[in-house]
Amino acid sequence: MNKQAPTWGVVATIKAPAGDILSFVAYHLELGATHVWIYLDAANPEAKAHLKPHPQLTVIRTGDNYWLKTRGKKPPMHQPRQSYNVRHAYNRAKKVDWLLHIDVDEFLWPDQPITQQLAALPESCLVARVRPAEAMASLDEEQIIHFKTFIADKSKRDQIVKDIYPNFAPYLKNGFVSHVAGKMFLRTGQKDMTIKIHNVVQNGRHNPGQVELSDAALLHLHTTSWEHWSKSFAYRHQKGSYRDELGSATPENQGGLNLHKLFAHLAKEPDGLRQFYEEVCVASPELTEKLKAYGLLRSHALELVQKRQKHFPEFEE
């Protein structure tokens, strides 16, 4: 008798336009998610109206009352709010065998059916990590998005990054502007799980039984255009993925800077930030050829609008 295929779900804490939220949800429903939990970090009546009636969705507005009842007060930084919300969903995720915590700009892309990959994991595996692939801004209007992928070989990683990004290699982990840790599928129903954004601790054990899903990627739309990057920059620099508390690719005592300090320096130079963006974040022919030569380029059409229209046909942007 064949073992029943494992079920999986997604949880996200989101502050974004309604169209982006619905596209994110529709994409993962289309991929086969059994259930999706959405924690609205800001009021979004339009998105909530479309999400609430759907039988595969749970939508929670995390306003002052929510935080008063659950935590006593609202955490000022979004990272603790995310961590709390994923724990809140995990404790209620009775409908799925695995729960994946991601953001509204992250899209799971399995190269083999995700249920097949999850079914192959040993019982001792409580954490399955999906490494990111970071989007680059396109130079044209085509639907294909180009991504730089995670460099799995640690022994070659630094040299590869130096070859691809000659001016900024010391400041880039894996050649990425955002996180390289990826996100995790968590096996549900486990006790004493302390869940953070990128890691889990259970009774002193970090990421118990962790396995990396080598046949899946987390497509991260961290940068889609100069306008998008510029608009997000101030928040990311102060509170997000470029904040000062995060470490650097090269230790500062060896001449490195973290991205917070690097960007603060570049912002003082004429076109300093733009030079960084053009070399690191744009899918130029030169960069894509370098990535392709190392086997680090992947390109996909996410078809977000089509999937949103299928699952939420009444939504009009």
C-alpha atoms as a PDB file:
ATOM      1  CA  MET A   1       0.000   0.000   0.000  1.00  0.00           C
ATOM      2  CA  ASN A   2       1.411   3.374  -1.068  1.00  0.00           C
ATOM      3  CA  LYS A   3       2.082   5.914   1.638  1.00  0.00           C
ATOM      4  CA  GLN A   4      -0.116   8.992   1.314  1.00  0.00           C
ATOM      5  CA  ALA A   5       1.699  11.949  -0.214  1.00  0.00           C
ATOM      6  CA  PRO A   6       2.611  14.578   2.396  1.00  0.00           C
ATOM      7  CA  THR A   7       0.670  17.811   2.433  1.00  0.00           C
ATOM      8  CA  TRP A   8       2.251  21.231   2.802  1.00  0.00           C
ATOM      9  CA  GLY A   9       1.247  24.791   3.481  1.00  0.00           C
ATOM     10  CA  VAL A  10       2.635  28.313   3.468  1.00  0.00           C
ATOM     11  CA  VAL A  11       2.632  31.065   6.094  1.00  0.00           C
ATOM     12  CA  ALA A  12       3.570  34.702   5.464  1.00  0.00           C
ATOM     13  CA  THR A  13       3.433  38.005   7.323  1.00  0.00           C
ATOM     14  CA  ILE A  14       2.655  40.600   4.665  1.00  0.00           C
ATOM     15  CA  LYS A  15       2.456  44.339   4.179  1.00  0.00           C
ATOM     16  CA  ALA A  16       1.914  44.846   0.446  1.00  0.00           C
ATOM     17  CA  PRO A  17      -0.659  45.954  -2.139  1.00  0.00           C
ATOM     18  CA  ALA A  18      -3.684  43.690  -2.515  1.00  0.00           C
ATOM     19  CA  GLY A  19      -2.656  42.538  -5.990  1.00  0.00           C
ATOM     20  CA  ASP A  20       0.746  41.371  -4.758  1.00  0.00           C
ATOM     21  CA  ILE A  21      -0.798  39.478  -1.844  1.00  0.00           C
ATOM     22  CA  LEU A  22      -3.333  37.715  -4.066  1.00  0.00           C
ATOM     23  CA  SER A  23      -0.649  36.852  -6.648  1.00  0.00           C
ATOM     24  CA  PHE A  24       1.526  35.314  -3.935  1.00  0.00           C
ATOM     25  CA  VAL A  25      -1.351  33.238  -2.599  1.00  0.00           C
ATOM     26  CA  ALA A  26      -2.576  32.169  -6.046  1.00  0.00           C
ATOM     27  CA  TYR A  27       0.901  31.075  -7.088  1.00  0.00           C
ATOM     28  CA  HIS A  28       1.306  28.721  -4.136  1.00  0.00           C
ATOM     29  CA  LEU A  29      -2.243  27.387  -4.373  1.00  0.00           C
ATOM     30  CA  GLU A  30      -1.545  26.589  -8.012  1.00  0.00           C
ATOM     31  CA  LEU A  31       1.659  24.848  -6.966  1.00  0.00           C
ATOM     32  CA  GLY A  32      -0.318  22.568  -4.664  1.00  0.00           C
ATOM     33  CA  ALA A  33      -0.326  24.155  -1.206  1.00  0.00           C
ATOM     34  CA  THR A  34      -3.069  22.607   0.922  1.00  0.00           C
ATOM     35  CA  HIS A  35      -3.463  25.709   3.064  1.00  0.00           C
ATOM     36  CA  VAL A  36      -2.027  29.241   3.226  1.00  0.00           C
ATOM     37  CA  TRP A  37      -1.937  31.408   6.349  1.00  0.00           C
ATOM     38  CA  ILE A  38      -1.689  35.168   5.722  1.00  0.00           C
ATOM     39  CA  TYR A  39      -0.937  37.549   8.587  1.00  0.00           C
ATOM     40  CA  LEU A  40      -1.680  41.094   7.438  1.00  0.00           C
ATOM     41  CA  ASP A  41       0.916  43.378   9.024  1.00  0.00           C
ATOM     42  CA  ALA A  42      -1.158  46.399   7.987  1.00  0.00           C
ATOM     43  CA  ALA A  43      -4.868  46.784   7.335  1.00  0.00           C
ATOM     44  CA  ASN A  44      -5.782  45.722   3.801  1.00  0.00           C
ATOM     45  CA  PRO A  45      -9.581  45.437   3.514  1.00  0.00           C
ATOM     46  CA  GLU A  46      -9.432  44.757  -0.219  1.00  0.00           C
ATOM     47  CA  ALA A  47      -7.079  41.790   0.083  1.00  0.00           C
ATOM     48  CA  LYS A  48      -8.911  40.461   3.140  1.00  0.00           C
ATOM     49  CA  ALA A  49     -12.249  40.557   1.315  1.00  0.00           C
ATOM     50  CA  HIS A  50     -10.888  38.263  -1.407  1.00  0.00           C
ATOM     51  CA  LEU A  51      -8.927  35.974   0.918  1.00  0.00           C
ATOM     52  CA  LYS A  52     -11.450  35.460   3.718  1.00  0.00           C
ATOM     53  CA  PRO A  53     -14.045  33.338   1.853  1.00  0.00           C
ATOM     54  CA  HIS A  54     -11.485  30.937   0.346  1.00  0.00           C
ATOM     55  CA  PRO A  55     -11.622  27.513   2.060  1.00  0.00           C
ATOM     56  CA  GLN A  56      -7.854  26.959   1.763  1.00  0.00           C
ATOM     57  CA  LEU A  57      -6.892  30.260   3.355  1.00  0.00           C
ATOM     58  CA  THR A  58      -6.658  31.689   6.844  1.00  0.00           C
ATOM     59  CA  VAL A  59      -6.249  35.470   6.972  1.00  0.00           C
ATOM     60  CA  ILE A  60      -5.504  37.319  10.212  1.00  0.00           C
ATOM     61  CA  ARG A  61      -5.193  41.078  10.607  1.00  0.00           C
ATOM     62  CA  THR A  62      -2.434  41.616  13.156  1.00  0.00           C
ATOM     63  CA  GLY A  63      -3.667  44.909  14.551  1.00  0.00           C
ATOM     64  CA  ASP A  64      -3.304  46.289  18.069  1.00  0.00           C
ATOM     65  CA  ASN A  65      -5.929  43.913  19.477  1.00  0.00           C
ATOM     66  CA  TYR A  66      -4.113  40.883  18.058  1.00  0.00           C
ATOM     67  CA  TRP A  67      -0.825  41.879  19.662  1.00  0.00           C
ATOM     68  CA  LEU A  68      -2.494  42.918  22.915  1.00  0.00           C
ATOM     69  CA  LYS A  69      -4.132  39.499  23.262  1.00  0.00           C
ATOM     70  CA  THR A  70      -1.169  37.411  22.121  1.00  0.00           C
ATOM     71  CA  ARG A  71       1.973  39.281  23.189  1.00  0.00           C
ATOM     72  CA  GLY A  72       0.810  42.161  25.385  1.00  0.00           C
ATOM     73  CA  LYS A  73       2.275  44.672  22.941  1.00  0.00           C
ATOM     74  CA  LYS A  74       3.317  44.905  19.287  1.00  0.00           C
ATOM     75  CA  PRO A  75       7.014  44.190  18.594  1.00  0.00           C
ATOM     76  CA  PRO A  76       8.481  47.308  16.932  1.00  0.00           C
ATOM     77  CA  MET A  77      10.604  45.383  14.389  1.00  0.00           C
ATOM     78  CA  HIS A  78       9.015  43.245  11.703  1.00  0.00           C
ATOM     79  CA  GLN A  79      11.395  40.291  12.208  1.00  0.00           C
ATOM     80  CA  PRO A  80      10.028  39.403  15.694  1.00  0.00           C
ATOM     81  CA  ARG A  81       6.497  39.858  14.357  1.00  0.00           C
ATOM     82  CA  GLN A  82       7.253  37.378  11.565  1.00  0.00           C
ATOM     83  CA  SER A  83       8.760  34.870  13.986  1.00  0.00           C
ATOM     84  CA  TYR A  84       5.793  35.108  16.324  1.00  0.00           C
ATOM     85  CA  ASN A  85       3.271  34.715  13.513  1.00  0.00           C
ATOM     86  CA  VAL A  86       4.928  31.631  12.078  1.00  0.00           C
ATOM     87  CA  ARG A  87       4.857  30.054  15.538  1.00  0.00           C
ATOM     88  CA  HIS A  88       1.187  31.047  15.842  1.00  0.00           C
ATOM     89  CA  ALA A  89       0.406  29.323  12.522  1.00  0.00           C
ATOM     90  CA  TYR A  90       2.607  26.312  13.291  1.00  0.00           C
ATOM     91  CA  ASN A  91       0.651  25.578  16.466  1.00  0.00           C
ATOM     92  CA  ARG A  92      -2.566  25.592  14.424  1.00  0.00           C
ATOM     93  CA  ALA A  93      -1.319  23.824  11.302  1.00  0.00           C
ATOM     94  CA  LYS A  94      -3.248  20.592  11.773  1.00  0.00           C
ATOM     95  CA  LYS A  95      -4.152  20.313   8.078  1.00  0.00           C
ATOM     96  CA  VAL A  96      -0.630  19.981   6.707  1.00  0.00           C
ATOM     97  CA  ASP A  97       2.423  17.781   7.267  1.00  0.00           C
ATOM     98  CA  TRP A  98       4.902  20.551   6.445  1.00  0.00           C
ATOM     99  CA  LEU A  99       4.772  24.341   6.821  1.00  0.00           C
ATOM    100  CA  LEU A 100       6.920  26.754   4.795  1.00  0.00           C
ATOM    101  CA  HIS A 101       7.477  30.280   6.112  1.00  0.00           C
ATOM    102  CA  ILE A 102       8.281  32.782   3.339  1.00  0.00           C
ATOM    103  CA  ASP A 103       7.703  36.412   2.334  1.00  0.00           C
ATOM    104  CA  VAL A 104       5.419  37.988  -0.257  1.00  0.00           C
ATOM    105  CA  ASP A 105       8.334  38.406  -2.700  1.00  0.00           C
ATOM    106  CA  GLU A 106       9.438  34.748  -2.437  1.00  0.00           C
ATOM    107  CA  PHE A 107       8.099  31.971  -4.644  1.00  0.00           C
ATOM    108  CA  LEU A 108       8.810  28.273  -4.248  1.00  0.00           C
ATOM    109  CA  TRP A 109      10.047  26.635  -7.451  1.00  0.00           C
ATOM    110  CA  PRO A 110      10.483  22.845  -7.244  1.00  0.00           C
ATOM    111  CA  ASP A 111      12.423  21.189 -10.066  1.00  0.00           C
ATOM    112  CA  GLN A 112      10.792  17.920  -8.993  1.00  0.00           C
ATOM    113  CA  PRO A 113       7.297  17.684  -7.423  1.00  0.00           C
ATOM    114  CA  ILE A 114       7.561  19.123  -3.923  1.00  0.00           C
ATOM    115  CA  THR A 115       5.414  16.352  -2.395  1.00  0.00           C
ATOM    116  CA  GLN A 116       7.827  13.822  -3.878  1.00  0.00           C
ATOM    117  CA  GLN A 117      10.786  15.615  -2.318  1.00  0.00           C
ATOM    118  CA  LEU A 118       9.108  15.872   1.079  1.00  0.00           C
ATOM    119  CA  ALA A 119       8.047  12.219   0.987  1.00  0.00           C
ATOM    120  CA  ALA A 120      11.675  11.174   0.477  1.00  0.00           C
ATOM    121  CA  LEU A 121      12.852  12.836   3.690  1.00  0.00           C
ATOM    122  CA  PRO A 122      13.706  10.604   6.661  1.00  0.00           C
ATOM    123  CA  GLU A 123      11.489  10.738   9.755  1.00  0.00           C
ATOM    124  CA  SER A 124      14.410  12.279  11.658  1.00  0.00           C
ATOM    125  CA  CYS A 125      14.270  15.343   9.389  1.00  0.00           C
ATOM    126  CA  LEU A 126      12.240  18.098  11.018  1.00  0.00           C
ATOM    127  CA  VAL A 127      13.645  20.896   8.848  1.00  0.00           C
ATOM    128  CA  ALA A 128      14.011  20.981   5.057  1.00  0.00           C
ATOM    129  CA  ARG A 129      15.867  24.055   3.799  1.00  0.00           C
ATOM    130  CA  VAL A 130      15.199  25.676   0.429  1.00  0.00           C
ATOM    131  CA  ARG A 131      18.033  27.905  -0.778  1.00  0.00           C
ATOM    132  CA  PRO A 132      17.229  31.164  -2.534  1.00  0.00           C
ATOM    133  CA  ALA A 133      17.763  32.284  -6.089  1.00  0.00           C
ATOM    134  CA  GLU A 134      17.907  36.076  -6.251  1.00  0.00           C
ATOM    135  CA  ALA A 135      16.132  37.927  -9.041  1.00  0.00           C
ATOM    136  CA  MET A 136      17.925  40.462 -11.198  1.00  0.00           C
ATOM    137  CA  ALA A 137      16.259  43.422 -12.860  1.00  0.00           C
ATOM    138  CA  SER A 138      15.536  42.835 -16.537  1.00  0.00           C
ATOM    139  CA  LEU A 139      16.646  45.235 -19.251  1.00  0.00           C
ATOM    140  CA  ASP A 140      13.479  44.615 -21.284  1.00  0.00           C
ATOM    141  CA  GLU A 141       9.784  43.951 -20.796  1.00  0.00           C
ATOM    142  CA  GLU A 142       9.850  40.190 -21.297  1.00  0.00           C
ATOM    143  CA  GLN A 143       8.017  37.959 -18.811  1.00  0.00           C
ATOM    144  CA  ILE A 144      11.106  35.857 -18.144  1.00  0.00           C
ATOM    145  CA  ILE A 145      12.910  36.743 -14.904  1.00  0.00           C
ATOM    146  CA  HIS A 146      16.605  35.891 -14.542  1.00  0.00           C
ATOM    147  CA  PHE A 147      17.932  34.681 -11.201  1.00  0.00           C
ATOM    148  CA  LYS A 148      21.393  34.160  -9.735  1.00  0.00           C
ATOM    149  CA  THR A 149      21.491  30.898  -7.810  1.00  0.00           C
ATOM    150  CA  PHE A 150      23.086  29.742  -4.586  1.00  0.00           C
ATOM    151  CA  ILE A 151      26.695  28.524  -4.838  1.00  0.00           C
ATOM    152  CA  ALA A 152      26.636  25.183  -3.039  1.00  0.00           C
ATOM    153  CA  ASP A 153      30.389  24.511  -3.196  1.00  0.00           C
ATOM    154  CA  LYS A 154      31.855  26.443  -0.250  1.00  0.00           C
ATOM    155  CA  SER A 155      35.441  25.794  -1.368  1.00  0.00           C
ATOM    156  CA  LYS A 156      34.888  27.675  -4.638  1.00  0.00           C
ATOM    157  CA  ARG A 157      32.343  30.251  -3.521  1.00  0.00           C
ATOM    158  CA  ASP A 158      34.683  33.160  -2.704  1.00  0.00           C
ATOM    159  CA  GLN A 159      36.670  32.835  -5.928  1.00  0.00           C
ATOM    160  CA  ILE A 160      33.541  32.600  -8.054  1.00  0.00           C
ATOM    161  CA  VAL A 161      32.099  35.733  -6.457  1.00  0.00           C
ATOM    162  CA  LYS A 162      35.391  37.580  -7.082  1.00  0.00           C
ATOM    163  CA  ASP A 163      35.319  36.572 -10.742  1.00  0.00           C
ATOM    164  CA  ILE A 164      31.714  37.657 -11.267  1.00  0.00           C
ATOM    165  CA  TYR A 165      31.658  40.854  -9.173  1.00  0.00           C
ATOM    166  CA  PRO A 166      35.190  42.315  -9.312  1.00  0.00           C
ATOM    167  CA  ASN A 167      34.327  45.606  -7.604  1.00  0.00           C
ATOM    168  CA  PHE A 168      32.029  44.435  -4.832  1.00  0.00           C
ATOM    169  CA  ALA A 169      32.946  40.805  -4.076  1.00  0.00           C
ATOM    170  CA  PRO A 170      34.248  41.451  -0.506  1.00  0.00           C
ATOM    171  CA  TYR A 171      30.832  42.781   0.505  1.00  0.00           C
ATOM    172  CA  LEU A 172      28.606  40.136  -1.061  1.00  0.00           C
ATOM    173  CA  LYS A 173      27.687  36.798   0.461  1.00  0.00           C
ATOM    174  CA  ASN A 174      27.305  34.392  -2.452  1.00  0.00           C
ATOM    175  CA  GLY A 175      27.004  37.403  -4.757  1.00  0.00           C
ATOM    176  CA  PHE A 176      23.597  38.152  -3.219  1.00  0.00           C
ATOM    177  CA  VAL A 177      22.249  41.439  -1.918  1.00  0.00           C
ATOM    178  CA  SER A 178      19.703  39.673   0.271  1.00  0.00           C
ATOM    179  CA  HIS A 179      19.754  36.535   2.415  1.00  0.00           C
ATOM    180  CA  VAL A 180      21.519  33.336   1.388  1.00  0.00           C
ATOM    181  CA  ALA A 181      20.129  31.179   4.191  1.00  0.00           C
ATOM    182  CA  GLY A 182      16.866  30.552   2.398  1.00  0.00           C
ATOM    183  CA  LYS A 183      13.746  29.434   4.224  1.00  0.00           C
ATOM    184  CA  MET A 184      12.579  26.181   5.776  1.00  0.00           C
ATOM    185  CA  PHE A 185       9.839  23.622   5.549  1.00  0.00           C
ATOM    186  CA  LEU A 186       8.999  22.621   9.133  1.00  0.00           C
ATOM    187  CA  ARG A 187       7.567  19.214   9.936  1.00  0.00           C
ATOM    188  CA  THR A 188       4.388  19.958  11.861  1.00  0.00           C
ATOM    189  CA  GLY A 189       3.215  18.422  15.115  1.00  0.00           C
ATOM    190  CA  GLN A 190       6.598  18.654  16.843  1.00  0.00           C
ATOM    191  CA  LYS A 191       6.981  19.823  20.426  1.00  0.00           C
ATOM    192  CA  ASP A 192       9.239  22.532  21.848  1.00  0.00           C
ATOM    193  CA  MET A 193      10.038  24.131  18.498  1.00  0.00           C
ATOM    194  CA  THR A 194      11.536  27.619  18.854  1.00  0.00           C
ATOM    195  CA  ILE A 195      11.049  29.032  15.361  1.00  0.00           C
ATOM    196  CA  LYS A 196      12.975  31.971  13.928  1.00  0.00           C
ATOM    197  CA  ILE A 197      12.965  33.309  10.366  1.00  0.00           C
ATOM    198  CA  HIS A 198      15.862  31.188   9.070  1.00  0.00           C
ATOM    199  CA  ASN A 199      16.419  28.621  11.832  1.00  0.00           C
ATOM    200  CA  VAL A 200      14.743  26.404  14.429  1.00  0.00           C
ATOM    201  CA  VAL A 201      15.862  25.165  17.842  1.00  0.00           C
ATOM    202  CA  GLN A 202      14.320  22.160  19.570  1.00  0.00           C
ATOM    203  CA  ASN A 203      15.565  21.337  23.073  1.00  0.00           C
ATOM    204  CA  GLY A 204      18.971  22.842  22.324  1.00  0.00           C
ATOM    205  CA  ARG A 205      19.301  21.188  18.896  1.00  0.00           C
ATOM    206  CA  HIS A 206      19.625  23.607  16.007  1.00  0.00           C
ATOM    207  CA  ASN A 207      17.663  22.691  12.875  1.00  0.00           C
ATOM    208  CA  PRO A 208      17.131  19.050  13.940  1.00  0.00           C
ATOM    209  CA  GLY A 209      17.721  16.566  11.146  1.00  0.00           C
ATOM    210  CA  GLN A 210      18.075  19.334   8.560  1.00  0.00           C
ATOM    211  CA  VAL A 211      18.137  18.344   4.890  1.00  0.00           C
ATOM    212  CA  GLU A 212      18.656  20.743   1.993  1.00  0.00           C
ATOM    213  CA  LEU A 213      16.162  20.348  -0.840  1.00  0.00           C
ATOM    214  CA  SER A 214      18.607  20.452  -3.750  1.00  0.00           C
ATOM    215  CA  ASP A 215      15.775  20.070  -6.283  1.00  0.00           C
ATOM    216  CA  ALA A 216      13.976  23.235  -5.211  1.00  0.00           C
ATOM    217  CA  ALA A 217      14.715  26.943  -5.127  1.00  0.00           C
ATOM    218  CA  LEU A 218      13.095  29.909  -3.439  1.00  0.00           C
ATOM    219  CA  LEU A 219      12.822  32.534  -6.160  1.00  0.00           C
ATOM    220  CA  HIS A 220      13.339  35.854  -4.399  1.00  0.00           C
ATOM    221  CA  LEU A 221      12.136  38.992  -6.172  1.00  0.00           C
ATOM    222  CA  HIS A 222      14.322  41.204  -4.004  1.00  0.00           C
ATOM    223  CA  THR A 223      15.057  43.563  -6.894  1.00  0.00           C
ATOM    224  CA  THR A 224      12.952  44.059 -10.012  1.00  0.00           C
ATOM    225  CA  SER A 225      13.959  47.569 -11.131  1.00  0.00           C
ATOM    226  CA  TRP A 226      15.964  50.608 -10.074  1.00  0.00           C
ATOM    227  CA  GLU A 227      12.698  52.266  -8.993  1.00  0.00           C
ATOM    228  CA  HIS A 228      11.770  49.231  -6.882  1.00  0.00           C
ATOM    229  CA  TRP A 229      15.223  49.046  -5.304  1.00  0.00           C
ATOM    230  CA  SER A 230      15.362  52.788  -4.613  1.00  0.00           C
ATOM    231  CA  LYS A 231      11.883  52.826  -3.073  1.00  0.00           C
ATOM    232  CA  SER A 232      12.740  49.939  -0.736  1.00  0.00           C
ATOM    233  CA  PHE A 233      16.248  51.109   0.086  1.00  0.00           C
ATOM    234  CA  ALA A 234      15.676  53.389   3.103  1.00  0.00           C
ATOM    235  CA  TYR A 235      13.566  50.815   4.967  1.00  0.00           C
ATOM    236  CA  ARG A 236      15.911  47.933   4.181  1.00  0.00           C
ATOM    237  CA  HIS A 237      18.927  50.024   5.209  1.00  0.00           C
ATOM    238  CA  GLN A 238      17.477  50.890   8.603  1.00  0.00           C
ATOM    239  CA  LYS A 239      15.284  47.930   9.525  1.00  0.00           C
ATOM    240  CA  GLY A 240      15.505  45.237   6.867  1.00  0.00           C
ATOM    241  CA  SER A 241      18.069  43.143   5.027  1.00  0.00           C
ATOM    242  CA  TYR A 242      20.720  45.905   4.979  1.00  0.00           C
ATOM    243  CA  ARG A 243      20.498  46.856   8.659  1.00  0.00           C
ATOM    244  CA  ASP A 244      23.731  47.387  10.555  1.00  0.00           C
ATOM    245  CA  GLU A 245      23.429  44.408  12.921  1.00  0.00           C
ATOM    246  CA  LEU A 246      23.917  41.930  10.061  1.00  0.00           C
ATOM    247  CA  GLY A 247      27.407  40.619   9.398  1.00  0.00           C
ATOM    248  CA  SER A 248      29.659  41.132   6.398  1.00  0.00           C
ATOM    249  CA  ALA A 249      30.899  38.700   3.767  1.00  0.00           C
ATOM    250  CA  THR A 250      34.499  39.560   4.692  1.00  0.00           C
ATOM    251  CA  PRO A 251      35.294  40.379   8.354  1.00  0.00           C
ATOM    252  CA  GLU A 252      35.856  44.080   8.962  1.00  0.00           C
ATOM    253  CA  ASN A 253      39.330  43.383  10.410  1.00  0.00           C
ATOM    254  CA  GLN A 254      40.186  41.976   6.978  1.00  0.00           C
ATOM    255  CA  GLY A 255      38.935  45.017   5.096  1.00  0.00           C
ATOM    256  CA  GLY A 256      35.302  44.066   4.684  1.00  0.00           C
ATOM    257  CA  LEU A 257      32.161  46.044   5.393  1.00  0.00           C
ATOM    258  CA  ASN A 258      28.617  44.889   5.879  1.00  0.00           C
ATOM    259  CA  LEU A 259      26.084  46.146   3.333  1.00  0.00           C
ATOM    260  CA  HIS A 260      24.773  48.776   5.742  1.00  0.00           C
ATOM    261  CA  LYS A 261      28.173  50.464   6.003  1.00  0.00           C
ATOM    262  CA  LEU A 262      28.981  49.924   2.314  1.00  0.00           C
ATOM    263  CA  PHE A 263      25.733  51.548   1.207  1.00  0.00           C
ATOM    264  CA  ALA A 264      26.184  54.435   3.636  1.00  0.00           C
ATOM    265  CA  HIS A 265      29.590  55.040   2.026  1.00  0.00           C
ATOM    266  CA  LEU A 266      28.313  54.663  -1.548  1.00  0.00           C
ATOM    267  CA  ALA A 267      25.415  57.037  -0.882  1.00  0.00           C
ATOM    268  CA  LYS A 268      27.954  59.830  -0.353  1.00  0.00           C
ATOM    269  CA  GLU A 269      29.530  59.252  -3.772  1.00  0.00           C
ATOM    270  CA  PRO A 270      28.054  60.564  -7.045  1.00  0.00           C
ATOM    271  CA  ASP A 271      26.108  57.632  -8.527  1.00  0.00           C
ATOM    272  CA  GLY A 272      27.719  55.286  -6.002  1.00  0.00           C
ATOM    273  CA  LEU A 273      24.561  53.331  -5.280  1.00  0.00           C
ATOM    274  CA  ARG A 274      23.655  53.303  -8.966  1.00  0.00           C
ATOM    275  CA  GLN A 275      27.057  51.822  -9.855  1.00  0.00           C
ATOM    276  CA  PHE A 276      26.514  49.048  -7.310  1.00  0.00           C
ATOM    277  CA  TYR A 277      23.018  48.372  -8.628  1.00  0.00           C
ATOM    278  CA  GLU A 278      24.161  48.209 -12.254  1.00  0.00           C
ATOM    279  CA  GLU A 279      26.966  45.744 -11.531  1.00  0.00           C
ATOM    280  CA  VAL A 280      25.208  43.485  -9.028  1.00  0.00           C
ATOM    281  CA  CYS A 281      21.457  43.721  -9.551  1.00  0.00           C
ATOM    282  CA  VAL A 282      20.849  44.049 -13.308  1.00  0.00           C
ATOM    283  CA  ALA A 283      20.598  41.083 -15.683  1.00  0.00           C
ATOM    284  CA  SER A 284      23.046  42.620 -18.145  1.00  0.00           C
ATOM    285  CA  PRO A 285      24.431  40.425 -20.929  1.00  0.00           C
ATOM    286  CA  GLU A 286      27.843  40.516 -19.239  1.00  0.00           C
ATOM    287  CA  LEU A 287      26.529  39.363 -15.854  1.00  0.00           C
ATOM    288  CA  THR A 288      24.194  36.702 -17.209  1.00  0.00           C
ATOM    289  CA  GLU A 289      26.999  35.235 -19.334  1.00  0.00           C
ATOM    290  CA  LYS A 290      29.292  35.042 -16.296  1.00  0.00           C
ATOM    291  CA  LEU A 291      26.578  33.365 -14.244  1.00  0.00           C
ATOM    292  CA  LYS A 292      25.777  30.954 -17.058  1.00  0.00           C
ATOM    293  CA  ALA A 293      29.434  29.982 -17.378  1.00  0.00           C
ATOM    294  CA  TYR A 294      29.427  28.889 -13.731  1.00  0.00           C
ATOM    295  CA  GLY A 295      26.022  27.199 -13.965  1.00  0.00           C
ATOM    296  CA  LEU A 296      24.497  29.831 -11.689  1.00  0.00           C
ATOM    297  CA  LEU A 297      21.782  31.267 -13.936  1.00  0.00           C
ATOM    298  CA  ARG A 298      18.170  30.177 -13.986  1.00  0.00           C
ATOM    299  CA  SER A 299      15.303  31.880 -15.782  1.00  0.00           C
ATOM    300  CA  HIS A 300      11.585  31.492 -15.177  1.00  0.00           C
ATOM    301  CA  ALA A 301       8.205  32.945 -16.100  1.00  0.00           C
ATOM    302  CA  LEU A 302       6.158  33.035 -12.906  1.00  0.00           C
ATOM    303  CA  GLU A 303       2.869  33.938 -14.650  1.00  0.00           C
ATOM    304  CA  LEU A 304       1.636  35.659 -11.509  1.00  0.00           C
ATOM    305  CA  VAL A 305      -1.158  37.651 -13.158  1.00  0.00           C
ATOM    306  CA  GLN A 306      -2.571  34.591 -14.911  1.00  0.00           C
ATOM    307  CA  LYS A 307      -2.576  32.571 -11.684  1.00  0.00           C
ATOM    308  CA  ARG A 308      -4.148  35.419  -9.732  1.00  0.00           C
ATOM    309  CA  GLN A 309      -6.897  35.752 -12.328  1.00  0.00           C
ATOM    310  CA  LYS A 310      -7.596  32.018 -12.100  1.00  0.00           C
ATOM    311  CA  HIS A 311      -7.895  31.874  -8.313  1.00  0.00           C
ATOM    312  CA  PHE A 312      -9.293  35.374  -7.683  1.00  0.00           C
ATOM    313  CA  PRO A 313     -11.253  36.214 -10.861  1.00  0.00           C
ATOM    314  CA  GLU A 314     -13.257  38.965  -9.170  1.00  0.00           C
ATOM    315  CA  PHE A 315     -10.187  41.012  -8.279  1.00  0.00           C
ATOM    316  CA  GLU A 316      -9.605  44.034 -10.493  1.00  0.00           C
ATOM    317  CA  GLU A 317      -6.350  45.945 -10.233  1.00  0.00           C
END
